[in-house]
Amino acid sequence: MFKNRIGVLAGILLFMGLWTCASADVLYFTDATGSGDVIAGAIALTGKTAMQATSKADFVTKLSSGTWELVILGEQSNSIWNTSGISAAVANYLSQGGKIIGATWLTQ
């Protein structure tokens, strides 16, 4: 089941042409993955490496201080946009032409 998800995500990333970056130029953060984090595996299938943020604060720090070709943000808790400066950091990154693949449980 997870292998299929990994392949789909890797295929999307390759199709979108987002893999022109050098190794370790992909930042990703998921706030709650349970036992099903497939992002690292999907990136590995492309032959690239990534930097994982380990907390909300770590994500903001890495996003704000790094030069990322791509950022992947998975939000499950419905609360990260109101805390830790994530909303402002993402808005700033996007305003500078950054690319983000995101997923959220928010419905509004």
Protein backbone atom coordinates (compact mmCIF):
# COMPACT_ATOMS: atom_id res chain seq x y z
CA MET A 1 0.00 0.00 0.00
CA PHE A 2 2.69 2.54 0.97
CA LYS A 3 4.92 1.54 -1.95
CA ASN A 4 2.14 2.56 -4.33
CA ARG A 5 1.82 5.97 -2.65
CA ILE A 6 5.56 6.48 -2.83
CA GLY A 7 5.59 5.71 -6.53
CA VAL A 8 2.70 8.06 -7.23
CA LEU A 9 4.36 10.96 -5.38
CA ALA A 10 7.70 10.32 -7.08
CA GLY A 11 5.96 10.23 -10.47
CA ILE A 12 4.18 13.53 -9.79
CA LEU A 13 7.43 15.21 -8.78
CA LEU A 14 9.24 13.95 -11.87
CA PHE A 15 6.35 14.88 -14.18
CA MET A 16 6.19 18.41 -12.78
CA GLY A 17 9.85 18.91 -13.66
CA LEU A 18 10.76 19.79 -10.10
CA TRP A 19 13.83 17.57 -10.00
CA THR A 20 16.30 19.93 -11.59
CA CYS A 21 17.70 20.65 -8.14
CA ALA A 22 20.88 19.46 -6.50
CA SER A 23 20.87 16.95 -3.66
CA ALA A 24 19.51 18.13 -0.31
CA ASP A 25 17.63 21.04 -1.84
CA VAL A 26 14.24 19.62 -0.85
CA LEU A 27 12.78 20.49 2.55
CA TYR A 28 9.85 18.56 3.95
CA PHE A 29 7.77 18.56 7.10
CA THR A 30 4.72 16.63 8.20
CA ASP A 31 3.22 17.47 11.57
CA ALA A 32 1.63 14.05 12.21
CA THR A 33 2.38 11.02 10.10
CA GLY A 34 1.54 8.14 12.39
CA SER A 35 3.35 5.20 10.90
CA GLY A 36 2.78 6.14 7.28
CA ASP A 37 5.32 8.79 6.25
CA VAL A 38 5.98 8.15 2.55
CA ILE A 39 7.69 11.40 1.60
CA ALA A 40 11.29 10.32 2.26
CA GLY A 41 10.74 7.13 0.27
CA ALA A 42 9.21 9.00 -2.64
CA ILE A 43 12.11 11.43 -2.78
CA ALA A 44 14.60 8.55 -2.56
CA LEU A 45 12.99 6.92 -5.61
CA THR A 46 13.92 9.99 -7.64
CA GLY A 47 17.58 9.61 -6.68
CA LYS A 48 17.55 12.86 -4.69
CA THR A 49 17.95 13.51 -0.98
CA ALA A 50 15.97 15.77 1.29
CA MET A 51 16.15 17.64 4.56
CA GLN A 52 13.38 16.81 7.03
CA ALA A 53 12.23 19.44 9.50
CA THR A 54 11.54 17.78 12.85
CA SER A 55 9.18 20.35 14.39
CA LYS A 56 7.15 23.43 13.51
CA ALA A 57 9.91 25.71 14.74
CA ASP A 58 12.55 23.71 12.86
CA PHE A 59 10.49 23.98 9.66
CA VAL A 60 10.23 27.78 9.99
CA THR A 61 13.95 28.07 10.69
CA LYS A 62 14.97 25.86 7.78
CA LEU A 63 12.47 27.40 5.37
CA SER A 64 13.55 30.93 6.26
CA SER A 65 17.28 30.30 6.25
CA GLY A 66 17.72 27.90 3.36
CA THR A 67 17.59 28.07 -0.40
CA TRP A 68 15.12 25.34 -1.34
CA GLU A 69 14.25 24.21 -4.81
CA LEU A 70 11.14 22.51 -3.44
CA VAL A 71 9.29 22.34 -0.13
CA ILE A 72 6.80 19.63 0.83
CA LEU A 73 4.45 20.46 3.71
CA GLY A 74 1.94 17.97 5.11
CA GLU A 75 -0.42 19.42 7.69
CA GLN A 76 -2.66 17.03 9.62
CA SER A 77 -3.46 18.81 12.89
CA ASN A 78 -5.39 21.85 11.60
CA SER A 79 -3.38 24.08 13.89
CA ILE A 80 0.01 24.71 12.34
CA TRP A 81 -1.09 27.76 10.37
CA ASN A 82 -1.85 29.64 13.57
CA THR A 83 1.40 28.84 15.38
CA SER A 84 5.14 29.04 15.10
CA GLY A 85 5.19 31.57 12.26
CA ILE A 86 4.53 28.93 9.59
CA SER A 87 1.97 30.99 7.72
CA ALA A 88 4.29 34.00 7.43
CA ALA A 89 7.30 31.84 6.49
CA VAL A 90 5.34 30.04 3.76
CA ALA A 91 3.91 33.32 2.42
CA ASN A 92 7.41 34.82 2.28
CA TYR A 93 8.84 31.74 0.55
CA LEU A 94 6.07 31.76 -2.05
CA SER A 95 6.39 35.51 -2.64
CA GLN A 96 10.02 34.90 -3.61
CA GLY A 97 9.00 32.35 -6.23
CA GLY A 98 9.33 29.23 -4.06
CA LYS A 99 7.59 25.97 -4.93
CA ILE A 100 5.52 24.06 -2.38
CA ILE A 101 3.61 20.81 -2.57
CA GLY A 102 1.17 20.83 0.31
CA ALA A 103 -1.58 18.77 1.88
CA THR A 104 -3.97 19.81 4.62
CA TRP A 105 -7.02 18.63 6.48
CA LEU A 106 -8.41 22.17 6.57
CA THR A 107 -11.78 22.52 4.87
CA GLN A 108 -12.06 26.33 4.89
